[in-house]
Amino acid sequence: MGQNPFSAGEHTQPMSEINTTPLVDVMLVLLVIFIITAPLLTHAVKIDLPQATSQPLEEKPEVIDLAVDVDGKIFWNDTEIQSADLATRMSEEAGKQQQPELQIRADKNTRYQVLAEVLAKAQTAGMKKVGFVSQPQP
């Protein structure tokens, strides 16, 4: 009868041959994939592009510098304004087609309440670009 390598009573030699059939199958599949995709990688449409020279348009975005000092005074581009005027100015700027960026600089000892009020007015006015300016540590 046939040999059964799993039978308990018989001691057989370990199999010393490697079955290469699955390896060959995988390699043939990979070869077919590369043969199909290789022409797609080298395909290009050749066109003659026009030549033009121009200067790049460098449009600097408008920036509003809003400073708050330790006493709670508010400065709009280095000009002191009242807290009541802040909301109207922010509404005017938020209504522009190209909305400026609001950069807030505050003294490190400024009360949080003052900054919270400034941020609330900016949100109510519809300011989309708001940032905080700080100095890096030396």
N, C-alpha and C. Protein backbone atom coordinates (compact mmCIF):
# COMPACT_ATOMS: atom_id res chain seq x y z
N MET A 1 0.83 -1.16 0.00
CA MET A 1 0.00 0.00 0.00
C MET A 1 0.88 1.24 0.00
N GLY A 2 0.21 2.43 -0.01
CA GLY A 2 0.95 3.69 -0.07
C GLY A 2 1.56 4.06 1.27
N GLN A 3 2.54 4.87 1.21
CA GLN A 3 3.17 5.31 2.44
C GLN A 3 2.39 6.47 3.05
N ASN A 4 2.14 6.39 4.32
CA ASN A 4 1.46 7.44 5.05
C ASN A 4 2.47 8.06 6.00
N PRO A 5 2.91 9.28 5.76
CA PRO A 5 3.94 9.87 6.61
C PRO A 5 3.45 10.20 8.01
N PHE A 6 2.14 10.16 8.23
CA PHE A 6 1.60 10.51 9.54
C PHE A 6 1.26 9.28 10.38
N SER A 7 1.56 8.16 9.90
CA SER A 7 1.25 6.96 10.69
C SER A 7 2.20 6.89 11.88
N ALA A 8 1.68 6.43 13.01
CA ALA A 8 2.43 6.45 14.26
C ALA A 8 3.52 5.40 14.31
N GLY A 9 3.36 4.29 13.64
CA GLY A 9 4.30 3.20 13.78
C GLY A 9 5.52 3.31 12.90
N GLU A 10 5.47 4.09 11.85
CA GLU A 10 6.58 4.10 10.90
C GLU A 10 7.45 5.34 11.09
N HIS A 11 8.73 5.17 10.99
CA HIS A 11 9.66 6.29 11.03
C HIS A 11 10.18 6.51 9.63
N THR A 12 9.89 7.70 9.10
CA THR A 12 10.34 7.98 7.73
C THR A 12 11.37 9.11 7.76
N GLN A 13 12.08 9.23 6.70
CA GLN A 13 13.07 10.28 6.54
C GLN A 13 12.37 11.63 6.32
N PRO A 14 12.94 12.74 6.81
CA PRO A 14 12.32 14.04 6.53
C PRO A 14 12.42 14.35 5.04
N MET A 15 11.45 15.11 4.56
CA MET A 15 11.39 15.43 3.14
C MET A 15 12.48 16.46 2.82
N SER A 16 13.37 16.18 1.91
CA SER A 16 14.50 17.05 1.63
C SER A 16 14.31 17.86 0.35
N GLU A 17 13.19 17.71 -0.33
CA GLU A 17 12.93 18.45 -1.56
C GLU A 17 11.96 19.59 -1.28
N ILE A 18 12.20 20.75 -1.93
CA ILE A 18 11.32 21.91 -1.78
C ILE A 18 10.35 21.92 -2.95
N ASN A 19 9.10 22.10 -2.64
CA ASN A 19 8.08 22.19 -3.68
C ASN A 19 8.11 23.59 -4.27
N THR A 20 8.59 23.74 -5.50
CA THR A 20 8.75 25.05 -6.13
C THR A 20 7.56 25.46 -6.98
N THR A 21 6.55 24.66 -7.07
CA THR A 21 5.40 24.98 -7.91
C THR A 21 4.69 26.27 -7.45
N PRO A 22 4.39 26.47 -6.15
CA PRO A 22 3.75 27.73 -5.76
C PRO A 22 4.63 28.95 -6.01
N LEU A 23 5.94 28.79 -5.84
CA LEU A 23 6.86 29.90 -6.10
C LEU A 23 6.83 30.29 -7.57
N VAL A 24 6.82 29.32 -8.45
CA VAL A 24 6.77 29.59 -9.89
C VAL A 24 5.45 30.24 -10.25
N ASP A 25 4.35 29.81 -9.66
CA ASP A 25 3.05 30.42 -9.94
C ASP A 25 3.03 31.90 -9.55
N VAL A 26 3.55 32.20 -8.39
CA VAL A 26 3.57 33.60 -7.93
C VAL A 26 4.46 34.44 -8.84
N MET A 27 5.60 33.91 -9.22
CA MET A 27 6.50 34.66 -10.09
C MET A 27 5.89 34.90 -11.47
N LEU A 28 5.15 33.95 -11.99
CA LEU A 28 4.50 34.15 -13.28
C LEU A 28 3.40 35.21 -13.20
N VAL A 29 2.66 35.22 -12.11
CA VAL A 29 1.62 36.24 -11.93
C VAL A 29 2.26 37.63 -11.85
N LEU A 30 3.35 37.76 -11.10
CA LEU A 30 4.05 39.04 -11.02
C LEU A 30 4.61 39.47 -12.37
N LEU A 31 5.13 38.53 -13.13
CA LEU A 31 5.65 38.83 -14.46
C LEU A 31 4.55 39.37 -15.37
N VAL A 32 3.39 38.75 -15.33
CA VAL A 32 2.26 39.20 -16.15
C VAL A 32 1.83 40.62 -15.73
N ILE A 33 1.80 40.89 -14.43
CA ILE A 33 1.41 42.22 -13.95
C ILE A 33 2.41 43.26 -14.44
N PHE A 34 3.70 42.97 -14.35
CA PHE A 34 4.70 43.93 -14.81
C PHE A 34 4.66 44.11 -16.32
N ILE A 35 4.38 43.07 -17.07
CA ILE A 35 4.29 43.19 -18.52
C ILE A 35 3.12 44.09 -18.91
N ILE A 36 2.02 44.00 -18.17
CA ILE A 36 0.84 44.81 -18.49
C ILE A 36 1.04 46.27 -18.07
N THR A 37 1.64 46.51 -16.90
CA THR A 37 1.74 47.88 -16.39
C THR A 37 2.94 48.65 -16.92
N ALA A 38 3.96 48.01 -17.41
CA ALA A 38 5.16 48.71 -17.87
C ALA A 38 4.88 49.69 -19.01
N PRO A 39 4.10 49.35 -20.02
CA PRO A 39 3.83 50.33 -21.08
C PRO A 39 3.02 51.53 -20.59
N LEU A 40 2.22 51.37 -19.55
CA LEU A 40 1.43 52.49 -19.05
C LEU A 40 2.29 53.53 -18.38
N LEU A 41 3.42 53.13 -17.81
CA LEU A 41 4.29 54.06 -17.11
C LEU A 41 5.10 54.93 -18.07
N THR A 42 5.35 54.46 -19.26
CA THR A 42 6.16 55.20 -20.21
C THR A 42 5.31 55.98 -21.21
N HIS A 43 4.01 55.85 -21.18
CA HIS A 43 3.13 56.53 -22.12
C HIS A 43 3.02 58.01 -21.76
N ALA A 44 3.27 58.88 -22.71
CA ALA A 44 3.15 60.32 -22.48
C ALA A 44 2.69 60.99 -23.76
N VAL A 45 1.92 62.05 -23.61
CA VAL A 45 1.47 62.81 -24.76
C VAL A 45 2.46 63.94 -24.97
N LYS A 46 3.02 64.02 -26.16
CA LYS A 46 3.99 65.05 -26.46
C LYS A 46 3.26 66.25 -27.04
N ILE A 47 3.43 67.41 -26.35
CA ILE A 47 2.82 68.64 -26.85
C ILE A 47 3.87 69.74 -26.80
N ASP A 48 3.67 70.74 -27.62
CA ASP A 48 4.57 71.88 -27.67
C ASP A 48 3.93 73.01 -26.87
N LEU A 49 4.46 73.27 -25.67
CA LEU A 49 3.88 74.29 -24.80
C LEU A 49 4.31 75.68 -25.23
N PRO A 50 3.44 76.66 -25.08
CA PRO A 50 3.84 78.03 -25.42
C PRO A 50 4.79 78.60 -24.38
N GLN A 51 5.61 79.55 -24.80
CA GLN A 51 6.57 80.19 -23.93
C GLN A 51 6.04 81.57 -23.54
N ALA A 52 6.14 81.91 -22.26
CA ALA A 52 5.70 83.23 -21.79
C ALA A 52 6.57 83.64 -20.62
N THR A 53 6.78 84.93 -20.51
CA THR A 53 7.51 85.46 -19.37
C THR A 53 6.63 86.47 -18.67
N SER A 54 6.59 86.35 -17.36
CA SER A 54 5.80 87.29 -16.57
C SER A 54 6.34 87.33 -15.15
N GLN A 55 6.01 88.36 -14.45
CA GLN A 55 6.41 88.50 -13.07
C GLN A 55 5.33 87.88 -12.19
N PRO A 56 5.73 87.13 -11.17
CA PRO A 56 4.72 86.55 -10.29
C PRO A 56 4.01 87.65 -9.51
N LEU A 57 2.73 87.47 -9.34
CA LEU A 57 1.92 88.43 -8.62
C LEU A 57 2.04 88.16 -7.13
N GLU A 58 2.68 89.07 -6.44
CA GLU A 58 2.85 88.90 -5.01
C GLU A 58 1.89 89.85 -4.31
N GLU A 59 0.82 89.30 -3.86
CA GLU A 59 -0.19 90.09 -3.18
C GLU A 59 -0.08 89.83 -1.69
N LYS A 60 0.32 90.85 -0.97
CA LYS A 60 0.46 90.71 0.48
C LYS A 60 -0.92 90.81 1.12
N PRO A 61 -1.26 89.84 1.95
CA PRO A 61 -2.56 89.95 2.62
C PRO A 61 -2.53 91.05 3.67
N GLU A 62 -3.65 91.71 3.81
CA GLU A 62 -3.74 92.78 4.80
C GLU A 62 -3.76 92.17 6.19
N VAL A 63 -3.05 92.81 7.10
CA VAL A 63 -2.94 92.32 8.47
C VAL A 63 -3.37 93.44 9.42
N ILE A 64 -4.22 93.08 10.37
CA ILE A 64 -4.62 94.02 11.41
C ILE A 64 -3.85 93.64 12.67
N ASP A 65 -3.10 94.59 13.20
CA ASP A 65 -2.31 94.35 14.40
C ASP A 65 -3.12 94.87 15.58
N LEU A 66 -3.63 93.97 16.39
CA LEU A 66 -4.44 94.34 17.54
C LEU A 66 -3.62 94.02 18.79
N ALA A 67 -3.26 95.08 19.53
CA ALA A 67 -2.43 94.91 20.73
C ALA A 67 -3.27 95.21 21.96
N VAL A 68 -3.05 94.42 23.01
CA VAL A 68 -3.72 94.62 24.28
C VAL A 68 -2.63 94.70 25.34
N ASP A 69 -2.59 95.86 26.06
CA ASP A 69 -1.55 96.00 27.06
C ASP A 69 -2.02 95.49 28.42
N VAL A 70 -1.16 95.61 29.40
CA VAL A 70 -1.43 95.04 30.72
C VAL A 70 -2.62 95.72 31.40
N ASP A 71 -2.90 96.99 31.04
CA ASP A 71 -4.02 97.71 31.64
C ASP A 71 -5.34 97.44 30.93
N GLY A 72 -5.32 96.68 29.85
CA GLY A 72 -6.54 96.38 29.12
C GLY A 72 -6.83 97.35 27.99
N LYS A 73 -5.90 98.26 27.69
CA LYS A 73 -6.07 99.20 26.58
C LYS A 73 -5.87 98.45 25.28
N ILE A 74 -6.68 98.80 24.28
CA ILE A 74 -6.66 98.10 23.00
C ILE A 74 -6.11 99.05 21.94
N PHE A 75 -5.17 98.55 21.14
CA PHE A 75 -4.54 99.35 20.09
C PHE A 75 -4.79 98.67 18.74
N TRP A 76 -5.40 99.41 17.81
CA TRP A 76 -5.69 98.93 16.46
C TRP A 76 -4.62 99.52 15.55
N ASN A 77 -3.70 98.71 15.07
CA ASN A 77 -2.57 99.16 14.25
C ASN A 77 -1.86 100.34 14.92
N ASP A 78 -1.50 100.15 16.17
CA ASP A 78 -0.76 101.12 16.99
C ASP A 78 -1.53 102.39 17.31
N THR A 79 -2.84 102.40 17.11
CA THR A 79 -3.68 103.53 17.48
C THR A 79 -4.66 103.06 18.54
N GLU A 80 -4.68 103.75 19.66
CA GLU A 80 -5.56 103.33 20.75
C GLU A 80 -7.01 103.58 20.38
N ILE A 81 -7.85 102.55 20.65
CA ILE A 81 -9.29 102.68 20.41
C ILE A 81 -10.03 102.24 21.66
N GLN A 82 -11.28 102.63 21.74
CA GLN A 82 -12.13 102.23 22.85
C GLN A 82 -12.69 100.84 22.58
N SER A 83 -13.04 100.15 23.63
CA SER A 83 -13.57 98.80 23.50
C SER A 83 -14.89 98.79 22.72
N ALA A 84 -15.67 99.87 22.84
CA ALA A 84 -16.94 99.95 22.12
C ALA A 84 -16.73 100.08 20.62
N ASP A 85 -15.64 100.75 20.19
CA ASP A 85 -15.35 100.93 18.76
C ASP A 85 -14.78 99.67 18.12
N LEU A 86 -14.30 98.76 18.95
CA LEU A 86 -13.66 97.55 18.43
C LEU A 86 -14.63 96.70 17.62
N ALA A 87 -15.84 96.52 18.10
CA ALA A 87 -16.82 95.68 17.40
C ALA A 87 -17.19 96.27 16.04
N THR A 88 -17.35 97.58 15.95
CA THR A 88 -17.72 98.19 14.67
C THR A 88 -16.57 98.08 13.66
N ARG A 89 -15.35 98.29 14.13
CA ARG A 89 -14.21 98.16 13.21
C ARG A 89 -14.05 96.72 12.71
N MET A 90 -14.24 95.77 13.61
CA MET A 90 -14.13 94.36 13.19
C MET A 90 -15.23 94.00 12.21
N SER A 91 -16.43 94.53 12.41
CA SER A 91 -17.53 94.25 11.48
C SER A 91 -17.23 94.81 10.09
N GLU A 92 -16.64 96.03 10.05
CA GLU A 92 -16.28 96.63 8.76
C GLU A 92 -15.24 95.77 8.04
N GLU A 93 -14.23 95.32 8.77
CA GLU A 93 -13.17 94.52 8.16
C GLU A 93 -13.67 93.13 7.75
N ALA A 94 -14.57 92.56 8.53
CA ALA A 94 -15.09 91.23 8.20
C ALA A 94 -15.97 91.26 6.97
N GLY A 95 -16.55 92.41 6.66
CA GLY A 95 -17.41 92.53 5.49
C GLY A 95 -16.67 92.70 4.19
N LYS A 96 -15.36 92.87 4.22
CA LYS A 96 -14.58 93.05 3.00
C LYS A 96 -14.52 91.76 2.20
N GLN A 97 -14.32 91.93 0.89
CA GLN A 97 -14.20 90.77 -0.01
C GLN A 97 -12.99 89.92 0.37
N GLN A 98 -11.84 90.55 0.55
CA GLN A 98 -10.62 89.86 0.98
C GLN A 98 -10.43 90.18 2.45
N GLN A 99 -10.89 89.30 3.30
CA GLN A 99 -10.88 89.57 4.74
C GLN A 99 -9.44 89.57 5.28
N PRO A 100 -9.07 90.61 6.03
CA PRO A 100 -7.70 90.66 6.57
C PRO A 100 -7.52 89.70 7.73
N GLU A 101 -6.26 89.45 8.04
CA GLU A 101 -5.93 88.58 9.16
C GLU A 101 -5.80 89.43 10.42
N LEU A 102 -6.42 89.00 11.49
CA LEU A 102 -6.37 89.70 12.77
C LEU A 102 -5.29 89.04 13.62
N GLN A 103 -4.22 89.77 13.90
CA GLN A 103 -3.13 89.26 14.72
C GLN A 103 -3.19 89.94 16.08
N ILE A 104 -3.39 89.16 17.11
CA ILE A 104 -3.54 89.69 18.46
C ILE A 104 -2.22 89.54 19.21
N ARG A 105 -1.72 90.67 19.72
CA ARG A 105 -0.54 90.68 20.58
C ARG A 105 -1.00 91.14 21.94
N ALA A 106 -0.76 90.36 22.95
CA ALA A 106 -1.19 90.72 24.30
C ALA A 106 -0.02 90.61 25.26
N ASP A 107 0.01 91.52 26.22
CA ASP A 107 1.01 91.47 27.27
C ASP A 107 0.82 90.18 28.06
N LYS A 108 1.90 89.61 28.55
CA LYS A 108 1.78 88.33 29.26
C LYS A 108 1.02 88.46 30.56
N ASN A 109 0.88 89.67 31.09
CA ASN A 109 0.13 89.88 32.33
C ASN A 109 -1.28 90.43 32.10
N THR A 110 -1.74 90.43 30.87
CA THR A 110 -3.08 90.90 30.55
C THR A 110 -4.11 89.92 31.13
N ARG A 111 -5.17 90.47 31.67
CA ARG A 111 -6.22 89.61 32.24
C ARG A 111 -6.90 88.80 31.13
N TYR A 112 -7.21 87.58 31.44
CA TYR A 112 -7.85 86.68 30.49
C TYR A 112 -9.23 87.21 30.07
N GLN A 113 -9.90 87.89 30.96
CA GLN A 113 -11.22 88.43 30.67
C GLN A 113 -11.18 89.39 29.49
N VAL A 114 -10.15 90.22 29.42
CA VAL A 114 -10.03 91.18 28.31
C VAL A 114 -9.83 90.44 26.99
N LEU A 115 -8.97 89.43 26.98
CA LEU A 115 -8.74 88.66 25.76
C LEU A 115 -9.99 87.89 25.34
N ALA A 116 -10.73 87.36 26.31
CA ALA A 116 -11.96 86.63 26.00
C ALA A 116 -12.98 87.56 25.35
N GLU A 117 -13.06 88.80 25.82
CA GLU A 117 -13.98 89.77 25.22
C GLU A 117 -13.56 90.13 23.80
N VAL A 118 -12.27 90.30 23.57
CA VAL A 118 -11.78 90.61 22.23
C VAL A 118 -12.08 89.46 21.27
N LEU A 119 -11.83 88.24 21.70
CA LEU A 119 -12.11 87.08 20.84
C LEU A 119 -13.61 86.92 20.58
N ALA A 120 -14.43 87.21 21.58
CA ALA A 120 -15.89 87.12 21.39
C ALA A 120 -16.36 88.15 20.37
N LYS A 121 -15.80 89.36 20.44
CA LYS A 121 -16.17 90.40 19.46
C LYS A 121 -15.71 90.02 18.06
N ALA A 122 -14.54 89.41 17.96
CA ALA A 122 -14.05 88.98 16.64
C ALA A 122 -14.95 87.89 16.06
N GLN A 123 -15.39 86.98 16.89
CA GLN A 123 -16.27 85.91 16.41
C GLN A 123 -17.63 86.46 16.02
N THR A 124 -18.16 87.36 16.82
CA THR A 124 -19.46 87.96 16.52
C THR A 124 -19.40 88.76 15.23
N ALA A 125 -18.28 89.45 14.99
CA ALA A 125 -18.13 90.25 13.79
C ALA A 125 -17.96 89.39 12.55
N GLY A 126 -17.53 88.13 12.72
CA GLY A 126 -17.35 87.24 11.57
C GLY A 126 -15.92 87.16 11.07
N MET A 127 -14.97 87.51 11.92
CA MET A 127 -13.56 87.40 11.53
C MET A 127 -13.19 85.92 11.44
N LYS A 128 -12.62 85.53 10.30
CA LYS A 128 -12.27 84.12 10.07
C LYS A 128 -10.81 83.82 10.39
N LYS A 129 -9.93 84.80 10.14
CA LYS A 129 -8.49 84.57 10.33
C LYS A 129 -8.03 85.33 11.57
N VAL A 130 -7.86 84.61 12.65
CA VAL A 130 -7.43 85.21 13.92
C VAL A 130 -6.22 84.44 14.40
N GLY A 131 -5.18 85.18 14.81
CA GLY A 131 -3.98 84.51 15.31
C GLY A 131 -3.38 85.28 16.46
N PHE A 132 -2.56 84.58 17.22
CA PHE A 132 -1.86 85.18 18.35
C PHE A 132 -0.39 85.32 18.00
N VAL A 133 0.19 86.45 18.36
CA VAL A 133 1.61 86.71 18.09
C VAL A 133 2.36 86.59 19.41
N SER A 134 3.45 85.86 19.39
CA SER A 134 4.29 85.70 20.58
C SER A 134 5.75 85.79 20.17
N GLN A 135 6.60 85.96 21.16
CA GLN A 135 8.03 86.01 20.91
C GLN A 135 8.64 84.69 21.34
N PRO A 136 9.56 84.16 20.55
CA PRO A 136 10.23 82.92 20.96
C PRO A 136 11.16 83.19 22.13
N GLN A 137 11.36 82.18 22.92
CA GLN A 137 12.28 82.31 24.06
C GLN A 137 13.70 82.34 23.55
N PRO A 138 14.56 83.16 24.18
CA PRO A 138 15.96 83.24 23.69
C PRO A 138 16.73 81.97 23.98
